[in-house]
Amino acid sequence: MADEGPELELVHLLRRVTVEFGLRQAEFASLHGMHSTDVRALICLLDAERAGTAATAGWLGAQLGLNSAGTTALIGRLERLGHIGRVRDDRDRRRVLLSVTPRARELGRAFFGPLIEDTTRVLRELDGDGAAAVRRFLEAAHRAVAAPPPPPDPGTGTGPGTTA
């Protein structure tokens, strides 16, 4: 990485962090008889709760890029494992909302708690400007990663889904 600028070094470091976090998620999934997608679903549901978003099956499927059958199978697995529950929406009784169970929260806290504590300890050591810079960077990085990929270039055959 010596030839690369500091910006690209940070991008590679962020990638290393995300890969390691993905490995921890896979380890958690394996330990609890789940698929990696199941763990991502739980994370989506927890994030929705924090944001005050009503999480329906359709919403969850869209977040994970799953079709209806895949979403139904995922919800069934998580429900059988006791990780999620379904409740009627108080505002619209026709709508069913998904929620993470206290049991699943406790399993997550037990496994990911030390990692979260270590990370928050590092963030507490930053001054206000440093923490604000980290936030701006992560928000911008998330926007970049979440943006739809550009279509393939028909002239070169390069782009997403192609190999160079």
C-alpha atoms as a PDB file:
ATOM      1  CA  MET A   1       0.000   0.000   0.000  1.00  0.00           C
ATOM      2  CA  ALA A   2       3.033   2.309   0.100  1.00  0.00           C
ATOM      3  CA  ASP A   3       2.304   3.496  -3.476  1.00  0.00           C
ATOM      4  CA  GLU A   4      -1.287   4.362  -2.663  1.00  0.00           C
ATOM      5  CA  GLY A   5      -2.462   7.632  -1.231  1.00  0.00           C
ATOM      6  CA  PRO A   6      -3.758   7.879   2.321  1.00  0.00           C
ATOM      7  CA  GLU A   7      -7.345   7.992   1.062  1.00  0.00           C
ATOM      8  CA  LEU A   8      -7.075   4.619  -0.665  1.00  0.00           C
ATOM      9  CA  GLU A   9      -5.334   3.180   2.387  1.00  0.00           C
ATOM     10  CA  LEU A  10      -8.384   4.203   4.440  1.00  0.00           C
ATOM     11  CA  VAL A  11     -10.721   2.586   1.905  1.00  0.00           C
ATOM     12  CA  HIS A  12      -8.730  -0.653   2.202  1.00  0.00           C
ATOM     13  CA  LEU A  13      -8.814  -0.401   5.983  1.00  0.00           C
ATOM     14  CA  LEU A  14     -12.586   0.081   5.921  1.00  0.00           C
ATOM     15  CA  ARG A  15     -12.854  -2.997   3.685  1.00  0.00           C
ATOM     16  CA  ARG A  16     -10.760  -4.998   6.185  1.00  0.00           C
ATOM     17  CA  VAL A  17     -13.078  -3.911   8.999  1.00  0.00           C
ATOM     18  CA  THR A  18     -16.185  -4.898   7.026  1.00  0.00           C
ATOM     19  CA  VAL A  19     -14.676  -8.267   6.092  1.00  0.00           C
ATOM     20  CA  GLU A  20     -13.818  -8.996   9.730  1.00  0.00           C
ATOM     21  CA  PHE A  21     -17.263  -7.922  10.855  1.00  0.00           C
ATOM     22  CA  GLY A  22     -18.779 -10.190   8.189  1.00  0.00           C
ATOM     23  CA  LEU A  23     -16.699 -13.071   9.526  1.00  0.00           C
ATOM     24  CA  ARG A  24     -17.996 -12.385  13.062  1.00  0.00           C
ATOM     25  CA  GLN A  25     -21.544 -12.353  11.705  1.00  0.00           C
ATOM     26  CA  ALA A  26     -20.947 -15.691   9.954  1.00  0.00           C
ATOM     27  CA  GLU A  27     -19.475 -17.121  13.164  1.00  0.00           C
ATOM     28  CA  PHE A  28     -22.531 -15.940  15.137  1.00  0.00           C
ATOM     29  CA  ALA A  29     -24.854 -17.421  12.503  1.00  0.00           C
ATOM     30  CA  SER A  30     -23.079 -20.772  12.566  1.00  0.00           C
ATOM     31  CA  LEU A  31     -23.052 -20.873  16.354  1.00  0.00           C
ATOM     32  CA  HIS A  32     -26.825 -20.352  16.457  1.00  0.00           C
ATOM     33  CA  GLY A  33     -27.919 -22.482  13.496  1.00  0.00           C
ATOM     34  CA  MET A  34     -28.647 -19.557  11.211  1.00  0.00           C
ATOM     35  CA  HIS A  35     -27.707 -18.381   7.740  1.00  0.00           C
ATOM     36  CA  SER A  36     -25.661 -15.197   7.307  1.00  0.00           C
ATOM     37  CA  THR A  37     -28.742 -13.651   5.708  1.00  0.00           C
ATOM     38  CA  ASP A  38     -30.655 -14.386   8.918  1.00  0.00           C
ATOM     39  CA  VAL A  39     -28.156 -12.296  10.876  1.00  0.00           C
ATOM     40  CA  ARG A  40     -28.412  -9.472   8.341  1.00  0.00           C
ATOM     41  CA  ALA A  41     -32.193  -9.653   8.728  1.00  0.00           C
ATOM     42  CA  LEU A  42     -31.920  -9.300  12.498  1.00  0.00           C
ATOM     43  CA  ILE A  43     -29.604  -6.311  12.057  1.00  0.00           C
ATOM     44  CA  CYS A  44     -32.093  -4.709   9.633  1.00  0.00           C
ATOM     45  CA  LEU A  45     -34.924  -5.247  12.119  1.00  0.00           C
ATOM     46  CA  LEU A  46     -32.921  -3.774  15.002  1.00  0.00           C
ATOM     47  CA  ASP A  47     -31.936  -0.788  12.861  1.00  0.00           C
ATOM     48  CA  ALA A  48     -35.579  -0.308  11.829  1.00  0.00           C
ATOM     49  CA  GLU A  49     -36.643  -0.288  15.453  1.00  0.00           C
ATOM     50  CA  ARG A  50     -34.017   2.329  16.344  1.00  0.00           C
ATOM     51  CA  ALA A  51     -35.171   4.469  13.404  1.00  0.00           C
ATOM     52  CA  GLY A  52     -38.865   4.063  14.229  1.00  0.00           C
ATOM     53  CA  THR A  53     -39.505   2.251  10.939  1.00  0.00           C
ATOM     54  CA  ALA A  54     -42.369  -0.231  10.764  1.00  0.00           C
ATOM     55  CA  ALA A  55     -40.769  -3.485   9.605  1.00  0.00           C
ATOM     56  CA  THR A  56     -43.054  -5.626   7.482  1.00  0.00           C
ATOM     57  CA  ALA A  57     -42.128  -8.733   5.526  1.00  0.00           C
ATOM     58  CA  GLY A  58     -42.120  -6.704   2.302  1.00  0.00           C
ATOM     59  CA  TRP A  59     -39.884  -4.052   3.823  1.00  0.00           C
ATOM     60  CA  LEU A  60     -37.440  -6.677   5.107  1.00  0.00           C
ATOM     61  CA  GLY A  61     -37.322  -8.458   1.757  1.00  0.00           C
ATOM     62  CA  ALA A  62     -36.533  -5.163   0.024  1.00  0.00           C
ATOM     63  CA  GLN A  63     -33.749  -4.401   2.508  1.00  0.00           C
ATOM     64  CA  LEU A  64     -32.142  -7.792   1.870  1.00  0.00           C
ATOM     65  CA  GLY A  65     -32.835  -8.010  -1.877  1.00  0.00           C
ATOM     66  CA  LEU A  66     -34.978 -11.133  -1.453  1.00  0.00           C
ATOM     67  CA  ASN A  67     -38.048 -12.174  -3.375  1.00  0.00           C
ATOM     68  CA  SER A  68     -41.299 -13.015  -1.610  1.00  0.00           C
ATOM     69  CA  ALA A  69     -40.576 -16.744  -1.301  1.00  0.00           C
ATOM     70  CA  GLY A  70     -37.081 -16.122   0.075  1.00  0.00           C
ATOM     71  CA  THR A  71     -38.407 -13.595   2.572  1.00  0.00           C
ATOM     72  CA  THR A  72     -41.129 -15.990   3.729  1.00  0.00           C
ATOM     73  CA  ALA A  73     -38.561 -18.768   4.238  1.00  0.00           C
ATOM     74  CA  LEU A  74     -36.230 -16.443   6.148  1.00  0.00           C
ATOM     75  CA  ILE A  75     -39.004 -15.189   8.440  1.00  0.00           C
ATOM     76  CA  GLY A  76     -40.129 -18.770   9.061  1.00  0.00           C
ATOM     77  CA  ARG A  77     -36.595 -19.834  10.038  1.00  0.00           C
ATOM     78  CA  LEU A  78     -36.115 -16.891  12.381  1.00  0.00           C
ATOM     79  CA  GLU A  79     -39.525 -17.417  13.940  1.00  0.00           C
ATOM     80  CA  ARG A  80     -38.888 -21.160  14.492  1.00  0.00           C
ATOM     81  CA  LEU A  81     -35.572 -20.301  16.132  1.00  0.00           C
ATOM     82  CA  GLY A  82     -37.355 -17.850  18.432  1.00  0.00           C
ATOM     83  CA  HIS A  83     -35.470 -14.814  17.105  1.00  0.00           C
ATOM     84  CA  ILE A  84     -38.392 -12.807  15.744  1.00  0.00           C
ATOM     85  CA  GLY A  85     -42.076 -12.384  16.396  1.00  0.00           C
ATOM     86  CA  ARG A  86     -44.990 -11.123  14.367  1.00  0.00           C
ATOM     87  CA  VAL A  87     -47.426  -8.610  15.795  1.00  0.00           C
ATOM     88  CA  ARG A  88     -50.410  -6.778  14.339  1.00  0.00           C
ATOM     89  CA  ASP A  89     -49.818  -3.085  13.716  1.00  0.00           C
ATOM     90  CA  ASP A  90     -51.786  -1.051  16.256  1.00  0.00           C
ATOM     91  CA  ARG A  91     -52.557   1.583  13.605  1.00  0.00           C
ATOM     92  CA  ASP A  92     -53.535  -0.842  10.826  1.00  0.00           C
ATOM     93  CA  ARG A  93     -54.661  -4.250  12.106  1.00  0.00           C
ATOM     94  CA  ARG A  94     -54.340  -5.709   8.582  1.00  0.00           C
ATOM     95  CA  ARG A  95     -50.586  -5.147   8.653  1.00  0.00           C
ATOM     96  CA  VAL A  96     -48.192  -7.542  10.383  1.00  0.00           C
ATOM     97  CA  LEU A  97     -44.960  -6.147  11.825  1.00  0.00           C
ATOM     98  CA  LEU A  98     -41.785  -8.055  12.610  1.00  0.00           C
ATOM     99  CA  SER A  99     -39.802  -7.598  15.797  1.00  0.00           C
ATOM    100  CA  VAL A 100     -36.671  -9.091  17.325  1.00  0.00           C
ATOM    101  CA  THR A 101     -37.295 -11.139  20.468  1.00  0.00           C
ATOM    102  CA  PRO A 102     -35.600 -10.478  23.807  1.00  0.00           C
ATOM    103  CA  ARG A 103     -33.876 -13.878  23.462  1.00  0.00           C
ATOM    104  CA  ALA A 104     -32.283 -12.873  20.152  1.00  0.00           C
ATOM    105  CA  ARG A 105     -31.215  -9.534  21.619  1.00  0.00           C
ATOM    106  CA  GLU A 106     -29.507 -11.299  24.524  1.00  0.00           C
ATOM    107  CA  LEU A 107     -27.685 -13.721  22.197  1.00  0.00           C
ATOM    108  CA  GLY A 108     -26.503 -10.766  20.126  1.00  0.00           C
ATOM    109  CA  ARG A 109     -25.396  -8.797  23.193  1.00  0.00           C
ATOM    110  CA  ALA A 110     -23.471 -11.774  24.563  1.00  0.00           C
ATOM    111  CA  PHE A 111     -21.638 -12.319  21.285  1.00  0.00           C
ATOM    112  CA  PHE A 112     -21.203  -8.802  19.877  1.00  0.00           C
ATOM    113  CA  GLY A 113     -21.172  -6.868  23.164  1.00  0.00           C
ATOM    114  CA  PRO A 114     -17.390  -7.005  23.693  1.00  0.00           C
ATOM    115  CA  LEU A 115     -16.746  -5.884  20.098  1.00  0.00           C
ATOM    116  CA  ILE A 116     -19.201  -2.997  20.496  1.00  0.00           C
ATOM    117  CA  GLU A 117     -17.698  -1.995  23.852  1.00  0.00           C
ATOM    118  CA  ASP A 118     -14.162  -1.968  22.411  1.00  0.00           C
ATOM    119  CA  THR A 119     -15.305   0.126  19.456  1.00  0.00           C
ATOM    120  CA  THR A 120     -17.215   2.644  21.564  1.00  0.00           C
ATOM    121  CA  ARG A 121     -14.216   2.948  23.895  1.00  0.00           C
ATOM    122  CA  VAL A 122     -12.063   3.985  20.933  1.00  0.00           C
ATOM    123  CA  LEU A 123     -14.693   6.505  19.817  1.00  0.00           C
ATOM    124  CA  ARG A 124     -14.889   8.015  23.313  1.00  0.00           C
ATOM    125  CA  GLU A 125     -11.160   8.726  23.118  1.00  0.00           C
ATOM    126  CA  LEU A 126     -11.695  11.003  20.111  1.00  0.00           C
ATOM    127  CA  ASP A 127     -12.386  14.678  20.588  1.00  0.00           C
ATOM    128  CA  GLY A 128     -15.590  16.147  19.166  1.00  0.00           C
ATOM    129  CA  ASP A 129     -13.975  17.089  15.868  1.00  0.00           C
ATOM    130  CA  GLY A 130     -12.466  13.607  15.459  1.00  0.00           C
ATOM    131  CA  ALA A 131     -15.759  11.869  16.183  1.00  0.00           C
ATOM    132  CA  ALA A 132     -17.565  14.216  13.780  1.00  0.00           C
ATOM    133  CA  ALA A 133     -15.000  13.446  11.058  1.00  0.00           C
ATOM    134  CA  VAL A 134     -15.445   9.703  11.585  1.00  0.00           C
ATOM    135  CA  ARG A 135     -19.234  10.130  11.359  1.00  0.00           C
ATOM    136  CA  ARG A 136     -18.987  12.185   8.129  1.00  0.00           C
ATOM    137  CA  PHE A 137     -16.656   9.628   6.580  1.00  0.00           C
ATOM    138  CA  LEU A 138     -18.792   6.621   7.514  1.00  0.00           C
ATOM    139  CA  GLU A 139     -22.008   8.303   6.350  1.00  0.00           C
ATOM    140  CA  ALA A 140     -20.401   9.221   3.011  1.00  0.00           C
ATOM    141  CA  ALA A 141     -18.886   5.736   2.646  1.00  0.00           C
ATOM    142  CA  HIS A 142     -22.302   4.200   3.334  1.00  0.00           C
ATOM    143  CA  ARG A 143     -23.931   6.414   0.688  1.00  0.00           C
ATOM    144  CA  ALA A 144     -21.257   5.384  -1.818  1.00  0.00           C
ATOM    145  CA  VAL A 145     -21.637   1.674  -1.097  1.00  0.00           C
ATOM    146  CA  ALA A 146     -25.462   1.838  -1.022  1.00  0.00           C
ATOM    147  CA  ALA A 147     -25.714   3.701  -4.349  1.00  0.00           C
ATOM    148  CA  PRO A 148     -26.864   1.610  -7.299  1.00  0.00           C
ATOM    149  CA  PRO A 149     -23.936   0.445  -9.413  1.00  0.00           C
ATOM    150  CA  PRO A 150     -23.491   1.998 -12.843  1.00  0.00           C
ATOM    151  CA  PRO A 151     -24.682  -0.098 -15.782  1.00  0.00           C
ATOM    152  CA  PRO A 152     -22.052  -2.115 -17.662  1.00  0.00           C
ATOM    153  CA  ASP A 153     -20.307  -0.310 -20.498  1.00  0.00           C
ATOM    154  CA  PRO A 154     -21.558  -2.077 -23.641  1.00  0.00           C
ATOM    155  CA  GLY A 155     -18.490  -0.992 -25.590  1.00  0.00           C
ATOM    156  CA  THR A 156     -15.983  -2.599 -23.246  1.00  0.00           C
ATOM    157  CA  GLY A 157     -18.089  -5.201 -21.452  1.00  0.00           C
ATOM    158  CA  THR A 158     -16.821  -3.851 -18.167  1.00  0.00           C
ATOM    159  CA  GLY A 159     -18.836  -2.847 -15.170  1.00  0.00           C
ATOM    160  CA  PRO A 160     -20.636  -4.642 -12.381  1.00  0.00           C
ATOM    161  CA  GLY A 161     -20.784  -8.375 -12.819  1.00  0.00           C
ATOM    162  CA  THR A 162     -17.889  -8.490 -15.289  1.00  0.00           C
ATOM    163  CA  THR A 163     -14.279  -9.363 -14.725  1.00  0.00           C
ATOM    164  CA  ALA A 164     -11.458  -7.206 -15.939  1.00  0.00           C
END
